[in-house]
Amino acid sequence: MEDIEVQAARLRAAAEAKPMKLPVNRRVDESHHVITPDGLSVWFTIQVSPHSRIQEAIFERADRMPSDDECRRWLSLLIPGGDATEAPGMPGSATRRFEAFEHSPQREAPLA
């Protein structure tokens, strides 16, 4: 059985190898997804545009909302050194989504 570090490294490598170009077609292939033995579903993608990059991690369970501890453990491996922010979710949802934004101001168009 793979441990969390190996699974996280595989997800990160898949996202780095195949980043999605913005605007995003929300279909994500299975190489960006893993289900742990205890039922936690983890998705990780990287979305790119000419001036920014978004790393997104989604955690989901069938029976309950994923805990802070399990999300933090995965986030530290998927987005090392990143400042991931949790996106608002629907009340009663068993899904949590986190995003980390990287901007490259030197490549952005000047403001008029």
Protein backbone atom coordinates (compact mmCIF):
# COMPACT_ATOMS: atom_id res chain seq x y z
CA MET A 1 0.00 0.00 0.00
CA GLU A 2 1.32 3.42 -0.94
CA ASP A 3 1.71 5.97 1.82
CA ILE A 4 0.48 9.56 1.65
CA GLU A 5 3.88 10.97 0.63
CA VAL A 6 4.11 8.67 -2.40
CA GLN A 7 0.50 9.36 -3.42
CA ALA A 8 0.95 13.13 -3.04
CA ALA A 9 4.18 13.04 -5.09
CA ARG A 10 2.35 11.14 -7.86
CA LEU A 11 -0.51 13.66 -7.92
CA ARG A 12 1.90 16.60 -7.95
CA ALA A 13 3.95 15.05 -10.78
CA ALA A 14 0.78 14.44 -12.85
CA ALA A 15 -0.36 18.03 -12.34
CA GLU A 16 3.09 19.44 -13.22
CA ALA A 17 3.32 17.22 -16.31
CA LYS A 18 -0.14 18.12 -17.57
CA PRO A 19 -1.20 21.58 -16.34
CA MET A 20 -4.54 22.82 -17.59
CA LYS A 21 -4.51 26.03 -19.60
CA LEU A 22 -6.96 28.74 -18.55
CA PRO A 23 -9.81 29.09 -19.28
CA VAL A 24 -10.14 25.62 -17.92
CA ASN A 25 -12.11 22.78 -19.37
CA ARG A 26 -13.16 21.24 -16.02
CA ARG A 27 -12.72 17.65 -17.21
CA VAL A 28 -9.79 16.24 -15.27
CA ASP A 29 -8.31 12.84 -16.01
CA GLU A 30 -7.82 10.17 -13.35
CA SER A 31 -4.05 10.75 -13.09
CA HIS A 32 -4.96 13.79 -10.95
CA HIS A 33 -7.05 11.71 -8.53
CA VAL A 34 -6.46 9.26 -5.70
CA ILE A 35 -8.75 7.55 -3.20
CA THR A 36 -7.15 6.56 0.10
CA PRO A 37 -7.96 3.24 1.81
CA ASP A 38 -10.13 5.08 4.35
CA GLY A 39 -12.24 6.69 1.59
CA LEU A 40 -10.76 10.18 1.23
CA SER A 41 -10.90 11.29 -2.40
CA VAL A 42 -8.12 13.74 -3.34
CA TRP A 43 -7.92 15.72 -6.61
CA PHE A 44 -4.95 17.97 -7.46
CA THR A 45 -4.59 20.19 -10.52
CA ILE A 46 -2.44 23.05 -11.72
CA GLN A 47 -4.06 25.63 -13.99
CA VAL A 48 -1.89 28.05 -15.96
CA SER A 49 -2.33 31.27 -17.92
CA PRO A 50 0.29 33.58 -19.41
CA HIS A 51 0.65 35.48 -16.11
CA SER A 52 -0.54 33.21 -13.31
CA ARG A 53 -0.71 29.70 -11.98
CA ILE A 54 -3.38 28.20 -9.72
CA GLN A 55 -2.83 25.05 -7.70
CA GLU A 56 -6.10 23.46 -6.60
CA ALA A 57 -6.65 20.59 -4.17
CA ILE A 58 -10.09 19.09 -3.61
CA PHE A 59 -10.89 16.71 -0.76
CA GLU A 60 -14.11 14.73 -0.63
CA ARG A 61 -15.72 11.99 1.42
CA ALA A 62 -18.97 10.14 0.87
CA ASP A 63 -19.91 10.07 4.56
CA ARG A 64 -18.67 13.37 6.05
CA MET A 65 -16.63 16.50 5.45
CA PRO A 66 -12.84 15.87 5.42
CA SER A 67 -11.16 17.02 8.64
CA ASP A 68 -8.77 19.95 8.99
CA ASP A 69 -5.95 17.57 9.95
CA GLU A 70 -6.26 15.33 6.89
CA CYS A 71 -6.58 18.33 4.54
CA ARG A 72 -3.56 20.08 6.11
CA ARG A 73 -1.42 16.95 5.84
CA TRP A 74 -2.16 16.58 2.11
CA LEU A 75 -1.83 20.33 1.44
CA SER A 76 1.65 20.42 2.98
CA LEU A 77 2.72 17.76 0.47
CA LEU A 78 0.80 18.95 -2.59
CA ILE A 79 1.47 22.68 -2.22
CA PRO A 80 4.73 22.84 -0.24
CA GLY A 81 5.45 26.35 0.95
CA GLY A 82 2.22 27.50 -0.66
CA ASP A 83 -0.42 29.53 1.08
CA ALA A 84 -3.55 27.62 0.15
CA THR A 85 -6.88 29.30 0.86
CA GLU A 86 -10.08 27.35 1.35
CA ALA A 87 -12.81 28.32 -1.09
CA PRO A 88 -16.34 28.71 0.25
CA GLY A 89 -18.44 25.58 -0.04
CA MET A 90 -22.07 24.65 0.06
CA PRO A 91 -23.62 24.11 3.51
CA GLY A 92 -23.65 20.42 4.37
CA SER A 93 -21.19 19.56 1.61
CA ALA A 94 -18.70 16.71 2.05
CA THR A 95 -16.24 18.49 -0.27
CA ARG A 96 -13.49 20.99 0.57
CA ARG A 97 -11.53 22.96 -2.04
CA PHE A 98 -8.25 24.81 -1.52
CA GLU A 99 -6.43 27.10 -3.95
CA ALA A 100 -2.98 28.67 -4.07
CA PHE A 101 -2.39 31.50 -6.55
CA GLU A 102 0.97 32.47 -8.03
CA HIS A 103 1.14 35.69 -10.06
CA SER A 104 3.90 36.95 -12.31
CA PRO A 105 3.36 40.75 -12.40
CA GLN A 106 6.15 41.34 -14.94
CA ARG A 107 4.13 39.35 -17.52
CA GLU A 108 0.80 41.08 -16.85
CA ALA A 109 -0.53 43.72 -19.22
CA PRO A 110 -0.10 47.27 -17.92
CA LEU A 111 -3.17 49.00 -16.54
CA ALA A 112 -4.55 51.67 -18.90
